[in-house]
Full PDB file with SEQRES, HELIX, SHEET, SSBOND, CRYST1, ORIGX, SCALE, CONECT and MASTER records, all heavy atoms in Angstrom:
SEQRES   1 A   38  TYR VAL PRO GLY SER SER ALA ASP TYR VAL SER LEU TRP          
SEQRES   2 A   38  LYS LYS ILE ASP ALA PRO ILE PHE VAL HIS ALA PRO HIS          
SEQRES   3 A   38  TYR SER HIS ARG VAL ASN LEU SER LEU ARG GLU PHE              
HELIX    1 AA1 SER A    6  TYR A    9  5                                   4    
HELIX    2 AA2 VAL A   10  TRP A   13  1                                   4    
HELIX    3 AA3 TYR A   27  HIS A   29  5                                   3    
CRYST1    1.000    1.000    1.000  90.00  90.00  90.00 P 1           1          
ORIGX1      1.000000  0.000000  0.000000        0.00000                         
ORIGX2      0.000000  1.000000  0.000000        0.00000                         
ORIGX3      0.000000  0.000000  1.000000        0.00000                         
SCALE1      1.000000  0.000000  0.000000        0.00000                         
SCALE2      0.000000  1.000000  0.000000        0.00000                         
SCALE3      0.000000  0.000000  1.000000        0.00000                         
ATOM      1  N   TYR A   1       0.838  -1.193   0.000  1.00  0.00           N  
ATOM      2  CA  TYR A   1       0.000   0.000   0.000  1.00  0.00           C  
ATOM      3  C   TYR A   1       0.882   1.256   0.000  1.00  0.00           C  
ATOM      4  O   TYR A   1       1.676   1.469   0.929  1.00  0.00           O  
ATOM      5  CB  TYR A   1      -0.913   0.026   1.232  1.00  0.00           C  
ATOM      6  CG  TYR A   1      -1.782   1.262   1.256  1.00  0.00           C  
ATOM      7  CD1 TYR A   1      -2.951   1.313   0.505  1.00  0.00           C  
ATOM      8  CD2 TYR A   1      -1.418   2.391   1.980  1.00  0.00           C  
ATOM      9  CE1 TYR A   1      -3.743   2.445   0.480  1.00  0.00           C  
ATOM     10  CE2 TYR A   1      -2.198   3.527   1.968  1.00  0.00           C  
ATOM     11  CZ  TYR A   1      -3.357   3.555   1.217  1.00  0.00           C  
ATOM     12  OH  TYR A   1      -4.133   4.687   1.187  1.00  0.00           O  
ATOM     13  N   VAL A   2       0.748   2.050  -1.039  1.00  0.00           N  
ATOM     14  CA  VAL A   2       1.466   3.318  -1.138  1.00  0.00           C  
ATOM     15  C   VAL A   2       0.544   4.415  -0.625  1.00  0.00           C  
ATOM     16  O   VAL A   2      -0.528   4.650  -1.200  1.00  0.00           O  
ATOM     17  CB  VAL A   2       1.883   3.627  -2.592  1.00  0.00           C  
ATOM     18  CG1 VAL A   2       2.570   4.988  -2.668  1.00  0.00           C  
ATOM     19  CG2 VAL A   2       2.780   2.528  -3.129  1.00  0.00           C  
ATOM     20  N   PRO A   3       0.896   5.080   0.476  1.00  0.00           N  
ATOM     21  CA  PRO A   3       0.012   6.103   1.048  1.00  0.00           C  
ATOM     22  C   PRO A   3      -0.393   7.145   0.012  1.00  0.00           C  
ATOM     23  O   PRO A   3       0.439   7.650  -0.745  1.00  0.00           O  
ATOM     24  CB  PRO A   3       0.865   6.723   2.162  1.00  0.00           C  
ATOM     25  CG  PRO A   3       1.817   5.635   2.551  1.00  0.00           C  
ATOM     26  CD  PRO A   3       2.127   4.913   1.266  1.00  0.00           C  
ATOM     27  N   GLY A   4      -1.698   7.423  -0.024  1.00  0.00           N  
ATOM     28  CA  GLY A   4      -2.197   8.483  -0.871  1.00  0.00           C  
ATOM     29  C   GLY A   4      -2.469   8.122  -2.306  1.00  0.00           C  
ATOM     30  O   GLY A   4      -2.991   8.931  -3.064  1.00  0.00           O  
ATOM     31  N   SER A   5      -2.111   6.877  -2.736  1.00  0.00           N  
ATOM     32  CA  SER A   5      -2.338   6.542  -4.146  1.00  0.00           C  
ATOM     33  C   SER A   5      -2.947   5.160  -4.351  1.00  0.00           C  
ATOM     34  O   SER A   5      -3.756   4.963  -5.256  1.00  0.00           O  
ATOM     35  CB  SER A   5      -1.030   6.647  -4.939  1.00  0.00           C  
ATOM     36  OG  SER A   5      -0.082   5.722  -4.480  1.00  0.00           O  
ATOM     37  N   SER A   6      -2.578   4.157  -3.536  1.00  0.00           N  
ATOM     38  CA  SER A   6      -3.067   2.800  -3.765  1.00  0.00           C  
ATOM     39  C   SER A   6      -4.584   2.697  -3.641  1.00  0.00           C  
ATOM     40  O   SER A   6      -5.204   1.856  -4.304  1.00  0.00           O  
ATOM     41  CB  SER A   6      -2.411   1.824  -2.782  1.00  0.00           C  
ATOM     42  OG  SER A   6      -1.059   1.617  -3.111  1.00  0.00           O  
ATOM     43  N   ALA A   7      -5.182   3.540  -2.810  1.00  0.00           N  
ATOM     44  CA  ALA A   7      -6.633   3.471  -2.628  1.00  0.00           C  
ATOM     45  C   ALA A   7      -7.388   3.724  -3.927  1.00  0.00           C  
ATOM     46  O   ALA A   7      -8.541   3.301  -4.077  1.00  0.00           O  
ATOM     47  CB  ALA A   7      -7.068   4.474  -1.564  1.00  0.00           C  
ATOM     48  N   ASP A   8      -6.758   4.389  -4.882  1.00  0.00           N  
ATOM     49  CA  ASP A   8      -7.405   4.674  -6.168  1.00  0.00           C  
ATOM     50  C   ASP A   8      -7.614   3.407  -7.000  1.00  0.00           C  
ATOM     51  O   ASP A   8      -8.360   3.438  -7.991  1.00  0.00           O  
ATOM     52  CB  ASP A   8      -6.554   5.662  -6.987  1.00  0.00           C  
ATOM     53  CG  ASP A   8      -6.431   7.018  -6.310  1.00  0.00           C  
ATOM     54  OD1 ASP A   8      -7.298   7.342  -5.474  1.00  0.00           O  
ATOM     55  OD2 ASP A   8      -5.473   7.744  -6.629  1.00  0.00           O  
ATOM     56  N   TYR A   9      -6.964   2.301  -6.610  1.00  0.00           N  
ATOM     57  CA  TYR A   9      -6.996   1.091  -7.435  1.00  0.00           C  
ATOM     58  C   TYR A   9      -7.822  -0.035  -6.820  1.00  0.00           C  
ATOM     59  O   TYR A   9      -7.728  -1.185  -7.256  1.00  0.00           O  
ATOM     60  CB  TYR A   9      -5.559   0.614  -7.687  1.00  0.00           C  
ATOM     61  CG  TYR A   9      -4.734   1.635  -8.425  1.00  0.00           C  
ATOM     62  CD1 TYR A   9      -3.902   2.506  -7.742  1.00  0.00           C  
ATOM     63  CD2 TYR A   9      -4.828   1.764  -9.809  1.00  0.00           C  
ATOM     64  CE1 TYR A   9      -3.164   3.471  -8.414  1.00  0.00           C  
ATOM     65  CE2 TYR A   9      -4.093   2.719 -10.488  1.00  0.00           C  
ATOM     66  CZ  TYR A   9      -3.263   3.571  -9.788  1.00  0.00           C  
ATOM     67  OH  TYR A   9      -2.538   4.521 -10.447  1.00  0.00           O  
ATOM     68  N   VAL A  10      -8.646   0.290  -5.831  1.00  0.00           N  
ATOM     69  CA  VAL A  10      -9.465  -0.735  -5.186  1.00  0.00           C  
ATOM     70  C   VAL A  10     -10.333  -1.467  -6.202  1.00  0.00           C  
ATOM     71  O   VAL A  10     -10.423  -2.700  -6.200  1.00  0.00           O  
ATOM     72  CB  VAL A  10     -10.343  -0.115  -4.074  1.00  0.00           C  
ATOM     73  CG1 VAL A  10     -11.413  -1.100  -3.620  1.00  0.00           C  
ATOM     74  CG2 VAL A  10      -9.479   0.306  -2.893  1.00  0.00           C  
ATOM     75  N   SER A  11     -10.985  -0.732  -7.097  1.00  0.00           N  
ATOM     76  CA  SER A  11     -11.904  -1.357  -8.052  1.00  0.00           C  
ATOM     77  C   SER A  11     -11.166  -2.320  -8.983  1.00  0.00           C  
ATOM     78  O   SER A  11     -11.717  -3.355  -9.384  1.00  0.00           O  
ATOM     79  CB  SER A  11     -12.636  -0.292  -8.873  1.00  0.00           C  
ATOM     80  OG  SER A  11     -11.712   0.496  -9.615  1.00  0.00           O  
ATOM     81  N   LEU A  12      -9.920  -2.008  -9.322  1.00  0.00           N  
ATOM     82  CA  LEU A  12      -9.147  -2.894 -10.184  1.00  0.00           C  
ATOM     83  C   LEU A  12      -8.741  -4.170  -9.442  1.00  0.00           C  
ATOM     84  O   LEU A  12      -8.851  -5.273  -9.979  1.00  0.00           O  
ATOM     85  CB  LEU A  12      -7.903  -2.174 -10.711  1.00  0.00           C  
ATOM     86  CG  LEU A  12      -8.159  -1.020 -11.679  1.00  0.00           C  
ATOM     87  CD1 LEU A  12      -6.845  -0.338 -12.050  1.00  0.00           C  
ATOM     88  CD2 LEU A  12      -8.859  -1.519 -12.938  1.00  0.00           C  
ATOM     89  N   TRP A  13      -8.281  -4.020  -8.198  1.00  0.00           N  
ATOM     90  CA  TRP A  13      -7.895  -5.197  -7.420  1.00  0.00           C  
ATOM     91  C   TRP A  13      -9.090  -6.108  -7.169  1.00  0.00           C  
ATOM     92  O   TRP A  13      -8.951  -7.330  -7.127  1.00  0.00           O  
ATOM     93  CB  TRP A  13      -7.270  -4.776  -6.093  1.00  0.00           C  
ATOM     94  CG  TRP A  13      -5.839  -4.333  -6.205  1.00  0.00           C  
ATOM     95  CD1 TRP A  13      -5.351  -3.065  -6.068  1.00  0.00           C  
ATOM     96  CD2 TRP A  13      -4.714  -5.153  -6.480  1.00  0.00           C  
ATOM     97  NE1 TRP A  13      -4.000  -3.052  -6.252  1.00  0.00           N  
ATOM     98  CE2 TRP A  13      -3.576  -4.320  -6.502  1.00  0.00           C  
ATOM     99  CE3 TRP A  13      -4.547  -6.523  -6.717  1.00  0.00           C  
ATOM    100  CZ2 TRP A  13      -2.299  -4.812  -6.745  1.00  0.00           C  
ATOM    101  CZ3 TRP A  13      -3.272  -7.011  -6.959  1.00  0.00           C  
ATOM    102  CH2 TRP A  13      -2.161  -6.156  -6.971  1.00  0.00           C  
ATOM    103  N   LYS A  14     -10.267  -5.532  -7.016  1.00  0.00           N  
ATOM    104  CA  LYS A  14     -11.453  -6.338  -6.741  1.00  0.00           C  
ATOM    105  C   LYS A  14     -11.838  -7.233  -7.922  1.00  0.00           C  
ATOM    106  O   LYS A  14     -12.582  -8.194  -7.754  1.00  0.00           O  
ATOM    107  CB  LYS A  14     -12.633  -5.434  -6.368  1.00  0.00           C  
ATOM    108  CG  LYS A  14     -12.590  -4.953  -4.923  1.00  0.00           C  
ATOM    109  CD  LYS A  14     -13.890  -4.263  -4.549  1.00  0.00           C  
ATOM    110  CE  LYS A  14     -13.950  -4.004  -3.050  1.00  0.00           C  
ATOM    111  NZ  LYS A  14     -15.224  -3.378  -2.640  1.00  0.00           N  
ATOM    112  N   LYS A  15     -11.342  -6.907  -9.099  1.00  0.00           N  
ATOM    113  CA  LYS A  15     -11.636  -7.730 -10.274  1.00  0.00           C  
ATOM    114  C   LYS A  15     -10.820  -9.022 -10.299  1.00  0.00           C  
ATOM    115  O   LYS A  15     -11.103  -9.918 -11.100  1.00  0.00           O  
ATOM    116  CB  LYS A  15     -11.362  -6.931 -11.547  1.00  0.00           C  
ATOM    117  CG  LYS A  15     -12.306  -5.747 -11.750  1.00  0.00           C  
ATOM    118  CD  LYS A  15     -11.959  -4.986 -13.014  1.00  0.00           C  
ATOM    119  CE  LYS A  15     -12.886  -3.788 -13.212  1.00  0.00           C  
ATOM    120  NZ  LYS A  15     -12.554  -3.015 -14.437  1.00  0.00           N  
ATOM    121  N   ILE A  16      -9.807  -9.097  -9.449  1.00  0.00           N  
ATOM    122  CA  ILE A  16      -8.929 -10.267  -9.436  1.00  0.00           C  
ATOM    123  C   ILE A  16      -9.498 -11.301  -8.476  1.00  0.00           C  
ATOM    124  O   ILE A  16      -9.646 -11.044  -7.277  1.00  0.00           O  
ATOM    125  CB  ILE A  16      -7.502  -9.876  -9.019  1.00  0.00           C  
ATOM    126  CG1 ILE A  16      -6.922  -8.876 -10.014  1.00  0.00           C  
ATOM    127  CG2 ILE A  16      -6.616 -11.109  -8.913  1.00  0.00           C  
ATOM    128  CD1 ILE A  16      -5.575  -8.334  -9.613  1.00  0.00           C  
ATOM    129  N   ASP A  17      -9.834 -12.462  -9.003  1.00  0.00           N  
ATOM    130  CA  ASP A  17     -10.421 -13.528  -8.199  1.00  0.00           C  
ATOM    131  C   ASP A  17      -9.298 -14.354  -7.568  1.00  0.00           C  
ATOM    132  O   ASP A  17      -8.985 -15.460  -8.015  1.00  0.00           O  
ATOM    133  CB  ASP A  17     -11.323 -14.407  -9.070  1.00  0.00           C  
ATOM    134  CG  ASP A  17     -12.030 -15.482  -8.252  1.00  0.00           C  
ATOM    135  OD1 ASP A  17     -12.117 -15.315  -7.026  1.00  0.00           O  
ATOM    136  OD2 ASP A  17     -12.474 -16.481  -8.851  1.00  0.00           O  
ATOM    137  N   ALA A  18      -8.703 -13.785  -6.532  1.00  0.00           N  
ATOM    138  CA  ALA A  18      -7.598 -14.465  -5.854  1.00  0.00           C  
ATOM    139  C   ALA A  18      -7.507 -13.925  -4.432  1.00  0.00           C  
ATOM    140  O   ALA A  18      -7.896 -12.791  -4.167  1.00  0.00           O  
ATOM    141  CB  ALA A  18      -6.278 -14.218  -6.591  1.00  0.00           C  
ATOM    142  N   PRO A  19      -6.995 -14.732  -3.505  1.00  0.00           N  
ATOM    143  CA  PRO A  19      -6.794 -14.234  -2.133  1.00  0.00           C  
ATOM    144  C   PRO A  19      -5.793 -13.087  -2.130  1.00  0.00           C  
ATOM    145  O   PRO A  19      -4.824 -13.095  -2.888  1.00  0.00           O  
ATOM    146  CB  PRO A  19      -6.239 -15.452  -1.390  1.00  0.00           C  
ATOM    147  CG  PRO A  19      -6.585 -16.626  -2.245  1.00  0.00           C  
ATOM    148  CD  PRO A  19      -6.591 -16.130  -3.652  1.00  0.00           C  
ATOM    149  N   ILE A  20      -6.027 -12.111  -1.273  1.00  0.00           N  
ATOM    150  CA  ILE A  20      -5.170 -10.922  -1.216  1.00  0.00           C  
ATOM    151  C   ILE A  20      -4.637 -10.722   0.199  1.00  0.00           C  
ATOM    152  O   ILE A  20      -5.381 -10.809   1.176  1.00  0.00           O  
ATOM    153  CB  ILE A  20      -5.937  -9.659  -1.657  1.00  0.00           C  
ATOM    154  CG1 ILE A  20      -6.272  -9.729  -3.150  1.00  0.00           C  
ATOM    155  CG2 ILE A  20      -5.140  -8.388  -1.356  1.00  0.00           C  
ATOM    156  CD1 ILE A  20      -7.116  -8.573  -3.648  1.00  0.00           C  
ATOM    157  N   PHE A  21      -3.346 -10.478   0.299  1.00  0.00           N  
ATOM    158  CA  PHE A  21      -2.720  -9.941   1.503  1.00  0.00           C  
ATOM    159  C   PHE A  21      -2.161  -8.570   1.135  1.00  0.00           C  
ATOM    160  O   PHE A  21      -1.500  -8.422   0.104  1.00  0.00           O  
ATOM    161  CB  PHE A  21      -1.575 -10.828   1.998  1.00  0.00           C  
ATOM    162  CG  PHE A  21      -2.022 -12.100   2.647  1.00  0.00           C  
ATOM    163  CD1 PHE A  21      -2.127 -13.273   1.913  1.00  0.00           C  
ATOM    164  CD2 PHE A  21      -2.334 -12.141   4.000  1.00  0.00           C  
ATOM    165  CE1 PHE A  21      -2.532 -14.457   2.495  1.00  0.00           C  
ATOM    166  CE2 PHE A  21      -2.738 -13.321   4.604  1.00  0.00           C  
ATOM    167  CZ  PHE A  21      -2.839 -14.480   3.846  1.00  0.00           C  
ATOM    168  N   VAL A  22      -2.407  -7.582   1.956  1.00  0.00           N  
ATOM    169  CA  VAL A  22      -1.868  -6.241   1.741  1.00  0.00           C  
ATOM    170  C   VAL A  22      -0.591  -6.101   2.558  1.00  0.00           C  
ATOM    171  O   VAL A  22      -0.491  -6.615   3.670  1.00  0.00           O  
ATOM    172  CB  VAL A  22      -2.890  -5.174   2.184  1.00  0.00           C  
ATOM    173  CG1 VAL A  22      -2.273  -3.774   2.192  1.00  0.00           C  
ATOM    174  CG2 VAL A  22      -4.121  -5.219   1.287  1.00  0.00           C  
ATOM    175  N   HIS A  23       0.419  -5.436   1.985  1.00  0.00           N  
ATOM    176  CA  HIS A  23       1.612  -5.073   2.764  1.00  0.00           C  
ATOM    177  C   HIS A  23       1.491  -3.607   3.116  1.00  0.00           C  
ATOM    178  O   HIS A  23       1.429  -2.747   2.240  1.00  0.00           O  
ATOM    179  CB  HIS A  23       2.887  -5.329   1.967  1.00  0.00           C  
ATOM    180  CG  HIS A  23       4.102  -5.472   2.836  1.00  0.00           C  
ATOM    181  ND1 HIS A  23       4.443  -4.524   3.782  1.00  0.00           N  
ATOM    182  CD2 HIS A  23       5.026  -6.463   2.922  1.00  0.00           C  
ATOM    183  CE1 HIS A  23       5.549  -4.911   4.399  1.00  0.00           C  
ATOM    184  NE2 HIS A  23       5.913  -6.091   3.907  1.00  0.00           N  
ATOM    185  N   ALA A  24       1.403  -3.305   4.409  1.00  0.00           N  
ATOM    186  CA  ALA A  24       1.312  -1.919   4.861  1.00  0.00           C  
ATOM    187  C   ALA A  24       2.621  -1.186   4.561  1.00  0.00           C  
ATOM    188  O   ALA A  24       3.682  -1.814   4.449  1.00  0.00           O  
ATOM    189  CB  ALA A  24       1.009  -1.866   6.356  1.00  0.00           C  
ATOM    190  N   PRO A  25       2.584   0.133   4.440  1.00  0.00           N  
ATOM    191  CA  PRO A  25       3.814   0.889   4.171  1.00  0.00           C  
ATOM    192  C   PRO A  25       4.822   0.739   5.302  1.00  0.00           C  
ATOM    193  O   PRO A  25       4.449   0.550   6.465  1.00  0.00           O  
ATOM    194  CB  PRO A  25       3.321   2.338   4.040  1.00  0.00           C  
ATOM    195  CG  PRO A  25       1.989   2.368   4.687  1.00  0.00           C  
ATOM    196  CD  PRO A  25       1.401   1.012   4.520  1.00  0.00           C  
ATOM    197  N   HIS A  26       6.100   0.809   4.946  1.00  0.00           N  
ATOM    198  CA  HIS A  26       7.170   0.682   5.935  1.00  0.00           C  
ATOM    199  C   HIS A  26       8.107   1.887   5.829  1.00  0.00           C  
ATOM    200  O   HIS A  26       7.677   2.972   5.403  1.00  0.00           O  
ATOM    201  CB  HIS A  26       7.911  -0.643   5.779  1.00  0.00           C  
ATOM    202  CG  HIS A  26       8.275  -0.999   4.370  1.00  0.00           C  
ATOM    203  ND1 HIS A  26       8.979  -0.166   3.537  1.00  0.00           N  
ATOM    204  CD2 HIS A  26       8.029  -2.127   3.631  1.00  0.00           C  
ATOM    205  CE1 HIS A  26       9.177  -0.733   2.377  1.00  0.00           C  
ATOM    206  NE2 HIS A  26       8.603  -1.932   2.390  1.00  0.00           N  
ATOM    207  N   TYR A  27       9.373   1.682   6.206  1.00  0.00           N  
ATOM    208  CA  TYR A  27      10.280   2.825   6.322  1.00  0.00           C  
ATOM    209  C   TYR A  27      10.457   3.580   5.013  1.00  0.00           C  
ATOM    210  O   TYR A  27      10.746   4.785   5.017  1.00  0.00           O  
ATOM    211  CB  TYR A  27      11.647   2.355   6.840  1.00  0.00           C  
ATOM    212  CG  TYR A  27      12.522   3.494   7.304  1.00  0.00           C  
ATOM    213  CD1 TYR A  27      12.327   4.064   8.573  1.00  0.00           C  
ATOM    214  CD2 TYR A  27      13.516   4.014   6.488  1.00  0.00           C  
ATOM    215  CE1 TYR A  27      13.124   5.118   8.997  1.00  0.00           C  
ATOM    216  CE2 TYR A  27      14.317   5.067   6.904  1.00  0.00           C  
ATOM    217  CZ  TYR A  27      14.105   5.618   8.164  1.00  0.00           C  
ATOM    218  OH  TYR A  27      14.885   6.669   8.577  1.00  0.00           O  
ATOM    219  N   SER A  28      10.279   2.903   3.880  1.00  0.00           N  
ATOM    220  CA  SER A  28      10.397   3.580   2.585  1.00  0.00           C  
ATOM    221  C   SER A  28       9.382   4.703   2.436  1.00  0.00           C  
ATOM    222  O   SER A  28       9.582   5.629   1.652  1.00  0.00           O  
ATOM    223  CB  SER A  28      10.208   2.575   1.441  1.00  0.00           C  
ATOM    224  OG  SER A  28      11.232   1.614   1.451  1.00  0.00           O  
ATOM    225  N   HIS A  29       8.279   4.620   3.197  1.00  0.00           N  
ATOM    226  CA  HIS A  29       7.272   5.676   3.190  1.00  0.00           C  
ATOM    227  C   HIS A  29       7.115   6.292   4.582  1.00  0.00           C  
ATOM    228  O   HIS A  29       6.016   6.668   4.998  1.00  0.00           O  
ATOM    229  CB  HIS A  29       5.943   5.135   2.663  1.00  0.00           C  
ATOM    230  CG  HIS A  29       5.943   4.937   1.188  1.00  0.00           C  
ATOM    231  ND1 HIS A  29       6.268   3.719   0.601  1.00  0.00           N  
ATOM    232  CD2 HIS A  29       5.705   5.796   0.162  1.00  0.00           C  
ATOM    233  CE1 HIS A  29       6.207   3.851  -0.719  1.00  0.00           C  
ATOM    234  NE2 HIS A  29       5.874   5.088  -1.007  1.00  0.00           N  
ATOM    235  N   ARG A  30       8.245   6.374   5.292  1.00  0.00           N  
ATOM    236  CA  ARG A  30       8.321   7.092   6.569  1.00  0.00           C  
ATOM    237  C   ARG A  30       7.406   6.499   7.642  1.00  0.00           C  
ATOM    238  O   ARG A  30       6.848   7.219   8.481  1.00  0.00           O  
ATOM    239  CB  ARG A  30       7.993   8.576   6.371  1.00  0.00           C  
ATOM    240  CG  ARG A  30       8.940   9.307   5.440  1.00  0.00           C  
ATOM    241  CD  ARG A  30      10.311   9.466   6.057  1.00  0.00           C  
ATOM    242  NE  ARG A  30      10.284  10.311   7.251  1.00  0.00           N  
ATOM    243  CZ  ARG A  30      11.299  10.421   8.097  1.00  0.00           C  
ATOM    244  NH1 ARG A  30      12.397   9.705   7.908  1.00  0.00           N  
ATOM    245  NH2 ARG A  30      11.210  11.224   9.144  1.00  0.00           N  
ATOM    246  N   VAL A  31       7.241   5.191   7.644  1.00  0.00           N  
ATOM    247  CA  VAL A  31       6.514   4.496   8.708  1.00  0.00           C  
ATOM    248  C   VAL A  31       7.541   3.754   9.557  1.00  0.00           C  
ATOM    249  O   VAL A  31       8.306   2.934   9.042  1.00  0.00           O  
ATOM    250  CB  VAL A  31       5.474   3.515   8.145  1.00  0.00           C  
ATOM    251  CG1 VAL A  31       4.855   2.672   9.261  1.00  0.00           C  
ATOM    252  CG2 VAL A  31       4.390   4.276   7.392  1.00  0.00           C  
ATOM    253  N   ASN A  32       7.576   4.060  10.837  1.00  0.00           N  
ATOM    254  CA  ASN A  32       8.500   3.399  11.760  1.00  0.00           C  
ATOM    255  C   ASN A  32       7.796   3.257  13.104  1.00  0.00           C  
ATOM    256  O   ASN A  32       7.754   4.188  13.911  1.00  0.00           O  
ATOM    257  CB  ASN A  32       9.786   4.215  11.907  1.00  0.00           C  
ATOM    258  CG  ASN A  32      10.847   3.477  12.718  1.00  0.00           C  
ATOM    259  OD1 ASN A  32      10.559   2.518  13.416  1.00  0.00           O  
ATOM    260  ND2 ASN A  32      12.086   3.943  12.622  1.00  0.00           N  
ATOM    261  N   LEU A  33       7.231   2.087  13.325  1.00  0.00           N  
ATOM    262  CA  LEU A  33       6.406   1.856  14.508  1.00  0.00           C  
ATOM    263  C   LEU A  33       7.194   1.730  15.799  1.00  0.00           C  
ATOM    264  O   LEU A  33       6.605   1.700  16.878  1.00  0.00           O  
ATOM    265  CB  LEU A  33       5.576   0.593  14.295  1.00  0.00           C  
ATOM    266  CG  LEU A  33       4.499   0.702  13.217  1.00  0.00           C  
ATOM    267  CD1 LEU A  33       4.054  -0.677  12.752  1.00  0.00           C  
ATOM    268  CD2 LEU A  33       3.323   1.512  13.725  1.00  0.00           C  
ATOM    269  N   SER A  34       8.506   1.702  15.724  1.00  0.00           N  
ATOM    270  CA  SER A  34       9.318   1.531  16.930  1.00  0.00           C  
ATOM    271  C   SER A  34       9.770   2.856  17.538  1.00  0.00           C  
ATOM    272  O   SER A  34      10.403   2.863  18.594  1.00  0.00           O  
ATOM    273  CB  SER A  34      10.542   0.666  16.620  1.00  0.00           C  
ATOM    274  OG  SER A  34      11.497   1.376  15.846  1.00  0.00           O  
ATOM    275  N   LEU A  35       9.461   3.970  16.856  1.00  0.00           N  
ATOM    276  CA  LEU A  35       9.890   5.282  17.354  1.00  0.00           C  
ATOM    277  C   LEU A  35       8.686   6.205  17.534  1.00  0.00           C  
ATOM    278  O   LEU A  35       7.865   6.371  16.634  1.00  0.00           O  
ATOM    279  CB  LEU A  35      10.881   5.919  16.381  1.00  0.00           C  
ATOM    280  CG  LEU A  35      12.263   5.265  16.288  1.00  0.00           C  
ATOM    281  CD1 LEU A  35      13.085   5.908  15.192  1.00  0.00           C  
ATOM    282  CD2 LEU A  35      13.005   5.335  17.622  1.00  0.00           C  
ATOM    283  N   ARG A  36       8.608   6.842  18.700  1.00  0.00           N  
ATOM    284  CA  ARG A  36       7.463   7.682  19.044  1.00  0.00           C  
ATOM    285  C   ARG A  36       7.348   8.899  18.133  1.00  0.00           C  
ATOM    286  O   ARG A  36       6.236   9.342  17.828  1.00  0.00           O  
ATOM    287  CB  ARG A  36       7.582   8.138  20.508  1.00  0.00           C  
ATOM    288  CG  ARG A  36       6.357   8.858  21.032  1.00  0.00           C  
ATOM    289  CD  ARG A  36       6.454   9.109  22.523  1.00  0.00           C  
ATOM    290  NE  ARG A  36       6.423   7.875  23.269  1.00  0.00           N  
ATOM    291  CZ  ARG A  36       5.531   7.594  24.208  1.00  0.00           C  
ATOM    292  NH1 ARG A  36       4.595   8.477  24.496  1.00  0.00           N  
ATOM    293  NH2 ARG A  36       5.567   6.455  24.853  1.00  0.00           N  
ATOM    294  N   GLU A  37       8.464   9.419  17.659  1.00  0.00           N  
ATOM    295  CA  GLU A  37       8.404  10.627  16.842  1.00  0.00           C  
ATOM    296  C   GLU A  37       7.741  10.400  15.485  1.00  0.00           C  
ATOM    297  O   GLU A  37       7.373  11.348  14.798  1.00  0.00           O  
ATOM    298  CB  GLU A  37       9.791  11.239  16.650  1.00  0.00           C  
ATOM    299  CG  GLU A  37      10.839  10.311  16.080  1.00  0.00           C  
ATOM    300  CD  GLU A  37      11.710   9.685  17.163  1.00  0.00           C  
ATOM    301  OE1 GLU A  37      11.174   9.361  18.241  1.00  0.00           O  
ATOM    302  OE2 GLU A  37      12.913   9.504  16.901  1.00  0.00           O  
ATOM    303  N   PHE A  38       7.569   9.137  15.097  1.00  0.00           N  
ATOM    304  CA  PHE A  38       6.888   8.803  13.835  1.00  0.00           C  
ATOM    305  C   PHE A  38       5.393   8.541  14.038  1.00  0.00           C  
ATOM    306  O   PHE A  38       4.693   8.249  13.075  1.00  0.00           O  
ATOM    307  CB  PHE A  38       7.516   7.557  13.213  1.00  0.00           C  
ATOM    308  CG  PHE A  38       8.851   7.779  12.548  1.00  0.00           C  
ATOM    309  CD1 PHE A  38      10.004   7.915  13.299  1.00  0.00           C  
ATOM    310  CD2 PHE A  38       8.957   7.846  11.166  1.00  0.00           C  
ATOM    311  CE1 PHE A  38      11.237   8.108  12.699  1.00  0.00           C  
ATOM    312  CE2 PHE A  38      10.183   8.041  10.549  1.00  0.00           C  
ATOM    313  CZ  PHE A  38      11.329   8.177  11.316  1.00  0.00           C  
TER     314      PHE A  38                                                      
MASTER        0    0    0    3    0    0    0    6  313    1    0    3          
END                                                                             
């Protein structure tokens, strides 16, 4: 999931008849759950 853009593609992903796991954003998109300042 790319913050601010992946949500635009929900309708396209829903057309795929397959199980889905989402990968939440990580440090590449400034997500760091181990530090309070983030």
